[in-house]
């Protein structure tokens, strides 16, 4: 609403019964995500926190798989 329709933040807060700080934080998060920086700080909800934990674990597991593939190839060559 604020970005697309040009509505003033205070009006959005009044209409939706939100605190202005929350809306400003959401706007900042959107801008950071648009530039590829992502939101810095704690996730806003437990679901978001869990998603970040799972993404981190997924990344670590992918690296582990890559390492195991390289080790397997190394030992396969050493045996021949």
PDB file of N, CA and C in Angstrom:
ATOM      1  N   UNK A   1       0.815  -1.193   0.000  1.00  0.00           N
ATOM      2  CA  UNK A   1       0.000   0.000   0.000  1.00  0.00           C
ATOM      3  C   UNK A   1       0.857   1.255   0.000  1.00  0.00           C
ATOM      4  N   UNK A   2       1.816   1.264   0.900  1.00  0.00           N
ATOM      5  CA  UNK A   2       2.647   2.459   1.032  1.00  0.00           C
ATOM      6  C   UNK A   2       3.457   2.676  -0.236  1.00  0.00           C
ATOM      7  N   UNK A   3       4.079   1.615  -0.736  1.00  0.00           N
ATOM      8  CA  UNK A   3       4.953   1.740  -1.904  1.00  0.00           C
ATOM      9  C   UNK A   3       4.162   1.858  -3.203  1.00  0.00           C
ATOM     10  N   UNK A   4       3.211   0.945  -3.423  1.00  0.00           N
ATOM     11  CA  UNK A   4       2.505   0.919  -4.693  1.00  0.00           C
ATOM     12  C   UNK A   4       1.493   2.057  -4.831  1.00  0.00           C
ATOM     13  N   UNK A   5       0.726   2.313  -3.768  1.00  0.00           N
ATOM     14  CA  UNK A   5      -0.358   3.290  -3.851  1.00  0.00           C
ATOM     15  C   UNK A   5       0.030   4.673  -3.343  1.00  0.00           C
ATOM     16  N   UNK A   6       1.214   4.787  -2.750  1.00  0.00           N
ATOM     17  CA  UNK A   6       1.654   6.079  -2.239  1.00  0.00           C
ATOM     18  C   UNK A   6       0.903   6.550  -0.998  1.00  0.00           C
ATOM     19  N   UNK A   7       0.325   5.606  -0.258  1.00  0.00           N
ATOM     20  CA  UNK A   7      -0.411   5.961   0.957  1.00  0.00           C
ATOM     21  C   UNK A   7       0.594   6.298   2.060  1.00  0.00           C
ATOM     22  N   UNK A   8       0.264   7.261   2.869  1.00  0.00           N
ATOM     23  CA  UNK A   8       1.135   7.681   3.964  1.00  0.00           C
ATOM     24  C   UNK A   8       1.162   6.594   5.036  1.00  0.00           C
ATOM     25  N   UNK A   9       2.343   6.349   5.601  1.00  0.00           N
ATOM     26  CA  UNK A   9       2.502   5.305   6.607  1.00  0.00           C
ATOM     27  C   UNK A   9       1.533   5.487   7.768  1.00  0.00           C
ATOM     28  N   UNK A  10       1.389   6.700   8.237  1.00  0.00           N
ATOM     29  CA  UNK A  10       0.501   6.932   9.380  1.00  0.00           C
ATOM     30  C   UNK A  10      -0.941   6.538   9.052  1.00  0.00           C
ATOM     31  N   UNK A  11      -1.361   6.744   7.804  1.00  0.00           N
ATOM     32  CA  UNK A  11      -2.724   6.370   7.414  1.00  0.00           C
ATOM     33  C   UNK A  11      -2.883   4.854   7.376  1.00  0.00           C
ATOM     34  N   UNK A  12      -1.869   4.160   6.862  1.00  0.00           N
ATOM     35  CA  UNK A  12      -1.902   2.694   6.829  1.00  0.00           C
ATOM     36  C   UNK A  12      -1.993   2.157   8.250  1.00  0.00           C
ATOM     37  N   UNK A  13      -1.185   2.713   9.136  1.00  0.00           N
ATOM     38  CA  UNK A  13      -1.188   2.268  10.528  1.00  0.00           C
ATOM     39  C   UNK A  13      -2.553   2.477  11.166  1.00  0.00           C
ATOM     40  N   UNK A  14      -3.140   3.613  10.905  1.00  0.00           N
ATOM     41  CA  UNK A  14      -4.457   3.931  11.468  1.00  0.00           C
ATOM     42  C   UNK A  14      -5.513   2.984  10.902  1.00  0.00           C
ATOM     43  N   UNK A  15      -5.498   2.777   9.590  1.00  0.00           N
ATOM     44  CA  UNK A  15      -6.502   1.928   8.939  1.00  0.00           C
ATOM     45  C   UNK A  15      -6.392   0.462   9.372  1.00  0.00           C
ATOM     46  N   UNK A  16      -5.161  -0.007   9.567  1.00  0.00           N
ATOM     47  CA  UNK A  16      -4.957  -1.425   9.862  1.00  0.00           C
ATOM     48  C   UNK A  16      -4.664  -1.687  11.334  1.00  0.00           C
ATOM     49  N   UNK A  17      -4.727  -0.643  12.151  1.00  0.00           N
ATOM     50  CA  UNK A  17      -4.483  -0.758  13.585  1.00  0.00           C
ATOM     51  C   UNK A  17      -3.097  -1.359  13.874  1.00  0.00           C
ATOM     52  N   UNK A  18      -2.089  -0.792  13.227  1.00  0.00           N
ATOM     53  CA  UNK A  18      -0.703  -1.225  13.390  1.00  0.00           C
ATOM     54  C   UNK A  18       0.123  -0.097  13.975  1.00  0.00           C
ATOM     55  N   UNK A  19       1.218  -0.484  14.622  1.00  0.00           N
ATOM     56  CA  UNK A  19       2.148   0.511  15.153  1.00  0.00           C
ATOM     57  C   UNK A  19       3.078   0.945  14.025  1.00  0.00           C
ATOM     58  N   UNK A  20       3.408   2.205  13.984  1.00  0.00           N
ATOM     59  CA  UNK A  20       4.214   2.756  12.892  1.00  0.00           C
ATOM     60  C   UNK A  20       5.590   2.100  12.802  1.00  0.00           C
ATOM     61  N   UNK A  21       6.168   1.744  13.941  1.00  0.00           N
ATOM     62  CA  UNK A  21       7.490   1.107  13.947  1.00  0.00           C
ATOM     63  C   UNK A  21       7.460  -0.217  13.183  1.00  0.00           C
ATOM     64  N   UNK A  22       6.397  -0.972  13.353  1.00  0.00           N
ATOM     65  CA  UNK A  22       6.271  -2.262  12.677  1.00  0.00           C
ATOM     66  C   UNK A  22       6.236  -2.063  11.162  1.00  0.00           C
ATOM     67  N   UNK A  23       5.437  -1.125  10.719  1.00  0.00           N
ATOM     68  CA  UNK A  23       5.313  -0.873   9.281  1.00  0.00           C
ATOM     69  C   UNK A  23       6.646  -0.396   8.705  1.00  0.00           C
ATOM     70  N   UNK A  24       7.317   0.472   9.403  1.00  0.00           N
ATOM     71  CA  UNK A  24       8.626   0.956   8.920  1.00  0.00           C
ATOM     72  C   UNK A  24       9.638  -0.193   8.845  1.00  0.00           C
ATOM     73  N   UNK A  25       9.603  -1.100   9.824  1.00  0.00           N
ATOM     74  CA  UNK A  25      10.512  -2.245   9.819  1.00  0.00           C
ATOM     75  C   UNK A  25      10.205  -3.146   8.624  1.00  0.00           C
ATOM     76  N   UNK A  26       8.921  -3.345   8.320  1.00  0.00           N
ATOM     77  CA  UNK A  26       8.548  -4.157   7.162  1.00  0.00           C
ATOM     78  C   UNK A  26       9.032  -3.512   5.874  1.00  0.00           C
ATOM     79  N   UNK A  27       8.884  -2.206   5.775  1.00  0.00           N
ATOM     80  CA  UNK A  27       9.343  -1.504   4.570  1.00  0.00           C
ATOM     81  C   UNK A  27      10.846  -1.630   4.402  1.00  0.00           C
ATOM     82  N   UNK A  28      11.573  -1.513   5.508  1.00  0.00           N
ATOM     83  CA  UNK A  28      13.028  -1.650   5.455  1.00  0.00           C
ATOM     84  C   UNK A  28      13.404  -3.061   5.003  1.00  0.00           C
ATOM     85  N   UNK A  29      12.700  -4.059   5.528  1.00  0.00           N
ATOM     86  CA  UNK A  29      12.974  -5.440   5.160  1.00  0.00           C
ATOM     87  C   UNK A  29      12.726  -5.661   3.665  1.00  0.00           C
ATOM     88  N   UNK A  30      11.645  -5.125   3.149  1.00  0.00           N
ATOM     89  CA  UNK A  30      11.334  -5.263   1.728  1.00  0.00           C
ATOM     90  C   UNK A  30      12.438  -4.638   0.877  1.00  0.00           C
ATOM     91  N   UNK A  31      12.886  -3.456   1.247  1.00  0.00           N
ATOM     92  CA  UNK A  31      13.946  -2.784   0.487  1.00  0.00           C
ATOM     93  C   UNK A  31      15.238  -3.587   0.512  1.00  0.00           C
ATOM     94  N   UNK A  32      15.600  -4.135   1.683  1.00  0.00           N
ATOM     95  CA  UNK A  32      16.815  -4.939   1.778  1.00  0.00           C
ATOM     96  C   UNK A  32      16.710  -6.193   0.923  1.00  0.00           C
ATOM     97  N   UNK A  33      15.554  -6.840   0.939  1.00  0.00           N
ATOM     98  CA  UNK A  33      15.375  -8.050   0.151  1.00  0.00           C
ATOM     99  C   UNK A  33      15.414  -7.756  -1.344  1.00  0.00           C
ATOM    100  N   UNK A  34      14.911  -6.599  -1.752  1.00  0.00           N
ATOM    101  CA  UNK A  34      14.952  -6.220  -3.167  1.00  0.00           C
ATOM    102  C   UNK A  34      16.384  -6.037  -3.652  1.00  0.00           C
ATOM    103  N   UNK A  35      17.260  -5.561  -2.781  1.00  0.00           N
ATOM    104  CA  UNK A  35      18.651  -5.356  -3.160  1.00  0.00           C
ATOM    105  C   UNK A  35      19.494  -6.604  -2.939  1.00  0.00           C
ATOM    106  N   UNK A  36      18.858  -7.683  -2.483  1.00  0.00           N
ATOM    107  CA  UNK A  36      19.571  -8.943  -2.288  1.00  0.00           C
ATOM    108  C   UNK A  36      20.327  -9.038  -0.991  1.00  0.00           C
ATOM    109  N   UNK A  37      20.133  -8.093  -0.103  1.00  0.00           N
ATOM    110  CA  UNK A  37      20.867  -8.115   1.157  1.00  0.00           C
ATOM    111  C   UNK A  37      20.169  -8.962   2.212  1.00  0.00           C
ATOM    112  N   UNK A  38      18.878  -9.139   2.093  1.00  0.00           N
ATOM    113  CA  UNK A  38      18.143  -9.887   3.102  1.00  0.00           C
ATOM    114  C   UNK A  38      18.006  -9.072   4.367  1.00  0.00           C
ATOM    115  N   UNK A  39      17.195  -9.553   5.243  1.00  0.00           N
ATOM    116  CA  UNK A  39      16.955  -8.837   6.494  1.00  0.00           C
ATOM    117  C   UNK A  39      18.014  -9.213   7.504  1.00  0.00           C
ATOM    118  N   UNK A  40      18.595  -8.221   8.135  1.00  0.00           N
ATOM    119  CA  UNK A  40      19.627  -8.453   9.135  1.00  0.00           C
ATOM    120  C   UNK A  40      18.964  -8.399  10.503  1.00  0.00           C
ATOM    121  N   UNK A  41      19.189  -9.412  11.294  1.00  0.00           N
ATOM    122  CA  UNK A  41      18.590  -9.451  12.618  1.00  0.00           C
ATOM    123  C   UNK A  41      17.794 -10.726  12.804  1.00  0.00           C
ATOM    124  N   UNK A  42      17.071 -10.789  13.894  1.00  0.00           N
ATOM    125  CA  UNK A  42      16.286 -11.969  14.187  1.00  0.00           C
ATOM    126  C   UNK A  42      15.082 -12.058  13.252  1.00  0.00           C
ATOM    127  N   UNK A  43      14.701 -13.292  12.903  1.00  0.00           N
ATOM    128  CA  UNK A  43      13.500 -13.463  12.093  1.00  0.00           C
ATOM    129  C   UNK A  43      12.276 -12.920  12.817  1.00  0.00           C
ATOM    130  N   UNK A  44      11.272 -12.567  12.065  1.00  0.00           N
ATOM    131  CA  UNK A  44      10.094 -11.958  12.655  1.00  0.00           C
ATOM    132  C   UNK A  44       9.175 -12.973  13.319  1.00  0.00           C
ATOM    133  N   UNK A  45       9.148 -14.205  12.840  1.00  0.00           N
ATOM    134  CA  UNK A  45       8.258 -15.214  13.402  1.00  0.00           C
ATOM    135  C   UNK A  45       9.032 -16.501  13.655  1.00  0.00           C
ATOM    136  N   UNK A  46       8.482 -17.386  14.503  1.00  0.00           N
ATOM    137  CA  UNK A  46       9.135 -18.692  14.706  1.00  0.00           C
ATOM    138  C   UNK A  46       9.245 -19.498  13.417  1.00  0.00           C
ATOM    139  N   UNK A  47       8.241 -19.369  12.535  1.00  0.00           N
ATOM    140  CA  UNK A  47       8.302 -20.086  11.254  1.00  0.00           C
ATOM    141  C   UNK A  47       9.474 -19.604  10.413  1.00  0.00           C
ATOM    142  N   UNK A  48       9.687 -18.292  10.379  1.00  0.00           N
ATOM    143  CA  UNK A  48      10.809 -17.748   9.616  1.00  0.00           C
ATOM    144  C   UNK A  48      12.133 -18.207  10.215  1.00  0.00           C
ATOM    145  N   UNK A  49      12.191 -18.251  11.532  1.00  0.00           N
ATOM    146  CA  UNK A  49      13.419 -18.706  12.183  1.00  0.00           C
ATOM    147  C   UNK A  49      13.684 -20.168  11.824  1.00  0.00           C
ATOM    148  N   UNK A  50      12.659 -20.998  11.840  1.00  0.00           N
ATOM    149  CA  UNK A  50      12.809 -22.412  11.503  1.00  0.00           C
ATOM    150  C   UNK A  50      13.242 -22.576  10.046  1.00  0.00           C
ATOM    151  N   UNK A  51      12.677 -21.782   9.159  1.00  0.00           N
ATOM    152  CA  UNK A  51      13.062 -21.840   7.750  1.00  0.00           C
ATOM    153  C   UNK A  51      14.538 -21.496   7.592  1.00  0.00           C
ATOM    154  N   UNK A  52      14.988 -20.477   8.284  1.00  0.00           N
ATOM    155  CA  UNK A  52      16.408 -20.096   8.194  1.00  0.00           C
ATOM    156  C   UNK A  52      17.302 -21.197   8.738  1.00  0.00           C
ATOM    157  N   UNK A  53      16.881 -21.838   9.831  1.00  0.00           N
ATOM    158  CA  UNK A  53      17.664 -22.947  10.382  1.00  0.00           C
ATOM    159  C   UNK A  53      17.748 -24.092   9.379  1.00  0.00           C
ATOM    160  N   UNK A  54      16.614 -24.422   8.760  1.00  0.00           N
ATOM    161  CA  UNK A  54      16.592 -25.506   7.784  1.00  0.00           C
ATOM    162  C   UNK A  54      17.414 -25.168   6.543  1.00  0.00           C
ATOM    163  N   UNK A  55      17.373 -23.917   6.100  1.00  0.00           N
ATOM    164  CA  UNK A  55      18.184 -23.507   4.957  1.00  0.00           C
ATOM    165  C   UNK A  55      19.664 -23.616   5.279  1.00  0.00           C
ATOM    166  N   UNK A  56      20.031 -23.238   6.486  1.00  0.00           N
ATOM    167  CA  UNK A  56      21.428 -23.333   6.901  1.00  0.00           C
ATOM    168  C   UNK A  56      21.874 -24.795   6.968  1.00  0.00           C
ATOM    169  N   UNK A  57      21.035 -25.632   7.540  1.00  0.00           N
ATOM    170  CA  UNK A  57      21.351 -27.061   7.619  1.00  0.00           C
ATOM    171  C   UNK A  57      21.440 -27.668   6.221  1.00  0.00           C
ATOM    172  N   UNK A  58      20.536 -27.296   5.339  1.00  0.00           N
ATOM    173  CA  UNK A  58      20.540 -27.787   3.972  1.00  0.00           C
ATOM    174  C   UNK A  58      21.846 -27.415   3.263  1.00  0.00           C
ATOM    175  N   UNK A  59      22.277 -26.191   3.444  1.00  0.00           N
ATOM    176  CA  UNK A  59      23.530 -25.729   2.832  1.00  0.00           C
ATOM    177  C   UNK A  59      24.714 -26.540   3.346  1.00  0.00           C
ATOM    178  N   UNK A  60      24.734 -26.781   4.676  1.00  0.00           N
ATOM    179  CA  UNK A  60      25.824 -27.554   5.271  1.00  0.00           C
ATOM    180  C   UNK A  60      25.815 -28.983   4.748  1.00  0.00           C
ATOM    181  N   UNK A  61      24.646 -29.587   4.650  1.00  0.00           N
ATOM    182  CA  UNK A  61      24.542 -30.959   4.154  1.00  0.00           C
ATOM    183  C   UNK A  61      24.972 -31.068   2.697  1.00  0.00           C
ATOM    184  N   UNK A  62      24.653 -30.072   1.888  1.00  0.00           N
ATOM    185  CA  UNK A  62      25.096 -30.076   0.491  1.00  0.00           C
ATOM    186  C   UNK A  62      26.620 -30.027   0.409  1.00  0.00           C
ATOM    187  N   UNK A  63      27.226 -29.222   1.269  1.00  0.00           N
ATOM    188  CA  UNK A  63      28.692 -29.168   1.301  1.00  0.00           C
ATOM    189  C   UNK A  63      29.280 -30.507   1.736  1.00  0.00           C
ATOM    190  N   UNK A  64      28.637 -31.156   2.713  1.00  0.00           N
ATOM    191  CA  UNK A  64      29.098 -32.469   3.162  1.00  0.00           C
ATOM    192  C   UNK A  64      29.023 -33.495   2.039  1.00  0.00           C
ATOM    193  N   UNK A  65      27.928 -33.483   1.290  1.00  0.00           N
ATOM    194  CA  UNK A  65      27.755 -34.411   0.170  1.00  0.00           C
ATOM    195  C   UNK A  65      28.840 -34.173  -0.879  1.00  0.00           C
ATOM    196  N   UNK A  66      29.109 -32.921  -1.169  1.00  0.00           N
ATOM    197  CA  UNK A  66      30.146 -32.578  -2.145  1.00  0.00           C
ATOM    198  C   UNK A  66      31.504 -33.102  -1.691  1.00  0.00           C
ATOM    199  N   UNK A  67      31.811 -32.931  -0.419  1.00  0.00           N
ATOM    200  CA  UNK A  67      33.079 -33.425   0.131  1.00  0.00           C
ATOM    201  C   UNK A  67      33.150 -34.945   0.031  1.00  0.00           C
ATOM    202  N   UNK A  68      32.064 -35.628   0.358  1.00  0.00           N
ATOM    203  CA  UNK A  68      32.055 -37.089   0.279  1.00  0.00           C
ATOM    204  C   UNK A  68      32.222 -37.576  -1.158  1.00  0.00           C
ATOM    205  N   UNK A  69      31.639 -36.881  -2.119  1.00  0.00           N
ATOM    206  CA  UNK A  69      31.810 -37.244  -3.525  1.00  0.00           C
ATOM    207  C   UNK A  69      33.282 -37.141  -3.931  1.00  0.00           C
ATOM    208  N   UNK A  70      33.917 -36.053  -3.510  1.00  0.00           N
ATOM    209  CA  UNK A  70      35.327 -35.861  -3.854  1.00  0.00           C
ATOM    210  C   UNK A  70      36.202 -36.910  -3.179  1.00  0.00           C
ATOM    211  N   UNK A  71      35.894 -37.221  -1.926  1.00  0.00           N
ATOM    212  CA  UNK A  71      36.666 -38.235  -1.212  1.00  0.00           C
ATOM    213  C   UNK A  71      36.484 -39.607  -1.859  1.00  0.00           C
ATOM    214  N   UNK A  72      35.256 -39.931  -2.266  1.00  0.00           N
ATOM    215  CA  UNK A  72      34.988 -41.206  -2.919  1.00  0.00           C
ATOM    216  C   UNK A  72      35.772 -41.306  -4.223  1.00  0.00           C
ATOM    217  N   UNK A  73      35.767 -40.259  -4.999  1.00  0.00           N
ATOM    218  CA  UNK A  73      36.517 -40.255  -6.264  1.00  0.00           C
ATOM    219  C   UNK A  73      38.007 -40.414  -6.013  1.00  0.00           C
ATOM    220  N   UNK A  74      38.521 -39.758  -4.996  1.00  0.00           N
ATOM    221  CA  UNK A  74      39.936 -39.856  -4.659  1.00  0.00           C
ATOM    222  C   UNK A  74      40.318 -41.280  -4.290  1.00  0.00           C
ATOM    223  N   UNK A  75      39.534 -41.916  -3.408  1.00  0.00           N
ATOM    224  CA  UNK A  75      39.845 -43.256  -2.971  1.00  0.00           C
ATOM    225  C   UNK A  75      39.608 -44.281  -4.065  1.00  0.00           C
ATOM    226  N   UNK A  76      38.655 -44.027  -4.964  1.00  0.00           N
ATOM    227  CA  UNK A  76      38.428 -44.934  -6.093  1.00  0.00           C
ATOM    228  C   UNK A  76      39.637 -44.948  -7.008  1.00  0.00           C
ATOM    229  N   UNK A  77      40.231 -43.779  -7.227  1.00  0.00           N
ATOM    230  CA  UNK A  77      41.446 -43.704  -8.058  1.00  0.00           C
ATOM    231  C   UNK A  77      42.618 -44.361  -7.346  1.00  0.00           C
ATOM    232  N   UNK A  78      42.714 -44.230  -6.036  1.00  0.00           N
ATOM    233  CA  UNK A  78      43.833 -44.782  -5.290  1.00  0.00           C
ATOM    234  C   UNK A  78      43.801 -46.315  -5.280  1.00  0.00           C
ATOM    235  N   UNK A  79      42.635 -46.895  -5.323  1.00  0.00           N
ATOM    236  CA  UNK A  79      42.504 -48.356  -5.271  1.00  0.00           C
ATOM    237  C   UNK A  79      42.914 -48.984  -6.599  1.00  0.00           C
ATOM    238  N   UNK A  80      42.670 -48.326  -7.712  1.00  0.00           N
ATOM    239  CA  UNK A  80      42.979 -48.890  -9.042  1.00  0.00           C
ATOM    240  C   UNK A  80      44.424 -48.947  -9.299  1.00  0.00           C
TER     241      UNK A  80
END
